[in-house]
N, C-alpha and C. Protein backbone atom coordinates (compact mmCIF):
# COMPACT_ATOMS: atom_id res chain seq x y z
N MET A 1 109.81 -128.66 74.27
CA MET A 1 110.75 -127.56 74.31
C MET A 1 112.03 -127.93 73.57
N LEU A 2 112.43 -129.17 73.65
CA LEU A 2 113.67 -129.57 73.00
C LEU A 2 113.61 -129.41 71.49
N GLU A 3 112.41 -129.49 70.91
CA GLU A 3 112.26 -129.38 69.46
C GLU A 3 111.93 -127.96 69.01
N ALA A 4 111.63 -127.07 69.93
CA ALA A 4 111.26 -125.69 69.58
C ALA A 4 112.48 -124.93 69.06
N THR A 5 112.22 -124.05 68.10
CA THR A 5 113.29 -123.23 67.52
C THR A 5 112.79 -121.80 67.39
N GLY A 6 113.70 -120.90 67.11
CA GLY A 6 113.35 -119.51 66.82
C GLY A 6 112.59 -118.83 67.93
N LEU A 7 111.53 -118.11 67.55
CA LEU A 7 110.73 -117.33 68.49
C LEU A 7 110.05 -118.22 69.52
N ALA A 8 109.55 -119.38 69.09
CA ALA A 8 108.90 -120.30 70.03
C ALA A 8 109.87 -120.71 71.13
N ARG A 9 111.10 -121.02 70.77
CA ARG A 9 112.13 -121.41 71.75
C ARG A 9 112.45 -120.24 72.68
N ALA A 10 112.62 -119.06 72.12
CA ALA A 10 112.93 -117.88 72.93
C ALA A 10 111.79 -117.60 73.91
N ASN A 11 110.55 -117.71 73.46
CA ASN A 11 109.41 -117.50 74.35
C ASN A 11 109.39 -118.53 75.48
N LEU A 12 109.65 -119.78 75.17
CA LEU A 12 109.69 -120.82 76.19
C LEU A 12 110.76 -120.52 77.24
N GLU A 13 111.92 -120.13 76.78
CA GLU A 13 113.03 -119.87 77.71
C GLU A 13 112.77 -118.63 78.57
N GLN A 14 112.19 -117.60 77.98
CA GLN A 14 112.00 -116.35 78.73
C GLN A 14 110.71 -116.31 79.54
N TYR A 15 109.61 -116.87 78.97
CA TYR A 15 108.30 -116.72 79.60
C TYR A 15 107.68 -118.02 80.09
N GLY A 16 108.18 -119.16 79.60
CA GLY A 16 107.61 -120.44 80.01
C GLY A 16 106.45 -120.90 79.15
N TYR A 17 106.07 -120.11 78.15
CA TYR A 17 104.99 -120.46 77.23
C TYR A 17 105.48 -120.24 75.81
N GLN A 18 105.18 -121.18 74.94
CA GLN A 18 105.70 -121.16 73.58
C GLN A 18 105.24 -119.95 72.76
N ALA A 19 103.99 -119.56 72.88
CA ALA A 19 103.47 -118.53 71.98
C ALA A 19 103.12 -117.22 72.69
N VAL A 20 103.41 -117.09 73.95
CA VAL A 20 102.93 -115.94 74.69
C VAL A 20 103.72 -114.66 74.40
N GLY A 21 105.02 -114.75 74.28
CA GLY A 21 105.85 -113.61 73.92
C GLY A 21 105.65 -112.39 74.80
N GLN A 22 105.65 -111.22 74.18
CA GLN A 22 105.59 -109.97 74.92
C GLN A 22 104.22 -109.70 75.52
N LEU A 23 103.23 -110.53 75.23
CA LEU A 23 101.92 -110.37 75.86
C LEU A 23 101.93 -110.86 77.30
N PHE A 24 102.98 -111.57 77.70
CA PHE A 24 103.06 -112.10 79.06
C PHE A 24 103.16 -110.98 80.08
N ARG A 25 102.39 -111.09 81.12
CA ARG A 25 102.47 -110.17 82.25
C ARG A 25 102.64 -111.03 83.49
N PRO A 26 103.72 -110.84 84.24
CA PRO A 26 103.92 -111.66 85.44
C PRO A 26 102.67 -111.59 86.32
N HIS A 27 102.25 -112.74 86.80
CA HIS A 27 101.04 -112.78 87.59
C HIS A 27 101.00 -114.04 88.45
N MET A 28 100.10 -114.03 89.38
CA MET A 28 99.83 -115.19 90.21
C MET A 28 98.39 -115.57 89.93
N THR A 29 98.15 -116.83 89.65
CA THR A 29 96.81 -117.29 89.32
C THR A 29 96.21 -118.03 90.51
N LEU A 30 95.00 -117.66 90.87
CA LEU A 30 94.25 -118.36 91.92
C LEU A 30 93.11 -119.10 91.24
N THR A 31 92.91 -120.34 91.62
CA THR A 31 91.88 -121.16 91.00
C THR A 31 90.97 -121.76 92.06
N ARG A 32 89.70 -121.78 91.78
CA ARG A 32 88.74 -122.43 92.67
C ARG A 32 88.27 -123.69 91.95
N PHE A 33 88.40 -124.83 92.62
CA PHE A 33 88.00 -126.10 92.03
C PHE A 33 86.52 -126.35 92.28
N ALA A 34 85.83 -126.87 91.29
CA ALA A 34 84.40 -127.14 91.40
C ALA A 34 84.12 -128.33 92.30
N HIS A 35 83.00 -128.30 92.96
CA HIS A 35 82.48 -129.43 93.74
C HIS A 35 83.42 -129.89 94.84
N GLY A 36 84.16 -128.96 95.44
CA GLY A 36 85.01 -129.32 96.57
C GLY A 36 86.18 -130.22 96.23
N ARG A 37 86.53 -130.31 94.98
CA ARG A 37 87.67 -131.15 94.57
C ARG A 37 88.96 -130.58 95.13
N GLN A 38 89.93 -131.44 95.36
CA GLN A 38 91.22 -131.02 95.87
C GLN A 38 92.32 -131.60 95.00
N ILE A 39 93.50 -131.02 95.11
CA ILE A 39 94.66 -131.55 94.40
C ILE A 39 95.72 -131.93 95.42
N ASP A 40 96.62 -132.78 95.00
CA ASP A 40 97.74 -133.18 95.85
C ASP A 40 98.78 -132.06 95.79
N THR A 41 99.00 -131.39 96.90
CA THR A 41 99.93 -130.26 96.94
C THR A 41 101.33 -130.68 97.39
N SER A 42 101.55 -131.96 97.58
CA SER A 42 102.85 -132.40 98.09
C SER A 42 104.00 -132.10 97.13
N ALA A 43 103.72 -131.95 95.84
CA ALA A 43 104.78 -131.67 94.86
C ALA A 43 105.06 -130.17 94.71
N LEU A 44 104.26 -129.33 95.36
CA LEU A 44 104.45 -127.89 95.24
C LEU A 44 105.55 -127.40 96.18
N PRO A 45 106.23 -126.31 95.82
CA PRO A 45 107.25 -125.75 96.72
C PRO A 45 106.62 -125.26 98.01
N ASP A 46 107.42 -125.20 99.05
CA ASP A 46 106.96 -124.67 100.32
C ASP A 46 106.59 -123.20 100.14
N PRO A 47 105.46 -122.75 100.70
CA PRO A 47 105.07 -121.34 100.55
C PRO A 47 106.15 -120.36 101.01
N LYS A 48 107.02 -120.77 101.92
CA LYS A 48 108.10 -119.89 102.39
C LYS A 48 109.08 -119.53 101.27
N GLU A 49 109.09 -120.34 100.19
CA GLU A 49 110.00 -120.08 99.07
C GLU A 49 109.48 -118.97 98.15
N PHE A 50 108.21 -118.62 98.26
CA PHE A 50 107.65 -117.55 97.45
C PHE A 50 107.92 -116.22 98.13
N SER A 51 108.30 -115.25 97.36
CA SER A 51 108.51 -113.93 97.93
C SER A 51 108.16 -112.89 96.86
N GLY A 52 107.92 -111.71 97.31
CA GLY A 52 107.62 -110.65 96.37
C GLY A 52 106.89 -109.53 97.06
N GLN A 53 106.81 -108.43 96.39
CA GLN A 53 106.07 -107.29 96.89
C GLN A 53 104.95 -107.02 95.90
N PHE A 54 103.74 -107.12 96.37
CA PHE A 54 102.58 -106.97 95.51
C PHE A 54 101.87 -105.66 95.83
N THR A 55 101.76 -104.79 94.86
CA THR A 55 101.18 -103.47 95.08
C THR A 55 99.79 -103.32 94.48
N LYS A 56 99.41 -104.27 93.63
CA LYS A 56 98.11 -104.20 92.98
C LYS A 56 97.48 -105.59 92.90
N PHE A 57 96.17 -105.60 92.83
CA PHE A 57 95.40 -106.82 92.64
C PHE A 57 94.52 -106.58 91.44
N GLY A 58 94.54 -107.47 90.47
CA GLY A 58 93.74 -107.26 89.28
C GLY A 58 92.94 -108.48 88.91
N LEU A 59 91.82 -108.26 88.28
CA LEU A 59 91.00 -109.33 87.72
C LEU A 59 91.08 -109.22 86.21
N PHE A 60 91.44 -110.32 85.55
CA PHE A 60 91.65 -110.29 84.11
C PHE A 60 90.90 -111.43 83.43
N GLU A 61 90.48 -111.19 82.21
CA GLU A 61 89.93 -112.23 81.37
C GLU A 61 91.12 -112.95 80.75
N MET A 62 91.12 -114.25 80.81
CA MET A 62 92.24 -115.02 80.30
C MET A 62 92.05 -115.27 78.81
N GLY A 63 93.10 -115.03 78.05
CA GLY A 63 93.06 -115.23 76.61
C GLY A 63 93.80 -116.49 76.19
N ASP A 64 94.06 -116.59 74.91
CA ASP A 64 94.81 -117.73 74.38
C ASP A 64 96.19 -117.81 75.02
N ASN A 65 96.67 -119.00 75.20
CA ASN A 65 98.02 -119.25 75.71
C ASN A 65 98.25 -118.70 77.11
N GLY A 66 97.19 -118.52 77.87
CA GLY A 66 97.35 -118.06 79.25
C GLY A 66 97.64 -116.58 79.39
N THR A 67 97.43 -115.82 78.35
CA THR A 67 97.67 -114.38 78.45
C THR A 67 96.50 -113.70 79.15
N CYS A 68 96.79 -112.60 79.81
CA CYS A 68 95.75 -111.78 80.43
C CYS A 68 95.27 -110.82 79.36
N ALA A 69 94.20 -111.21 78.68
CA ALA A 69 93.76 -110.50 77.48
C ALA A 69 93.03 -109.19 77.75
N ARG A 70 92.28 -109.14 78.86
CA ARG A 70 91.50 -107.93 79.11
C ARG A 70 91.39 -107.71 80.61
N LYS A 71 91.73 -106.48 81.03
CA LYS A 71 91.62 -106.13 82.45
C LYS A 71 90.18 -105.83 82.77
N ILE A 72 89.65 -106.50 83.79
CA ILE A 72 88.29 -106.26 84.24
C ILE A 72 88.28 -105.22 85.35
N ALA A 73 89.21 -105.35 86.30
CA ALA A 73 89.29 -104.41 87.42
C ALA A 73 90.69 -104.46 88.01
N GLU A 74 91.10 -103.35 88.63
CA GLU A 74 92.42 -103.27 89.27
C GLU A 74 92.26 -102.53 90.59
N PHE A 75 92.94 -103.04 91.63
CA PHE A 75 92.85 -102.46 92.95
C PHE A 75 94.24 -102.23 93.52
N GLU A 76 94.48 -101.09 94.12
CA GLU A 76 95.74 -100.80 94.80
C GLU A 76 95.75 -101.51 96.15
N LEU A 77 96.86 -102.12 96.49
CA LEU A 77 97.00 -102.77 97.79
C LEU A 77 97.84 -101.85 98.68
N LYS A 78 97.37 -101.60 99.87
CA LYS A 78 98.09 -100.74 100.80
C LYS A 78 98.79 -101.62 101.82
N GLY A 79 99.99 -101.23 102.19
CA GLY A 79 100.77 -101.98 103.15
C GLY A 79 100.13 -102.01 104.54
N ILE A 80 100.46 -103.04 105.27
CA ILE A 80 99.98 -103.17 106.65
C ILE A 80 101.05 -102.59 107.57
N LYS A 81 100.67 -101.63 108.37
CA LYS A 81 101.62 -101.02 109.30
C LYS A 81 101.65 -101.85 110.58
N THR A 82 102.85 -102.13 111.03
CA THR A 82 103.00 -102.90 112.28
C THR A 82 103.72 -102.02 113.30
N GLY A 83 103.46 -102.33 114.55
CA GLY A 83 104.19 -101.67 115.63
C GLY A 83 103.62 -100.39 116.02
């Protein structure tokens, strides 16, 4: 990142990826590890630090540079009523 200039630098600063640019769509990625493998989660932030309101769930084909290149399916999420 320190050596990036121009558009690559702007993309890194705004989106976190050098070449993704305006193709970036904010998302949360879920991954399933093969053969029961696990990762050390001790370096991850506490889940309480994550917040947001999610109204849709989508399945996407991943393209170059981590972009969501093609939507496979999209589902509306309905709120849970309490009380």
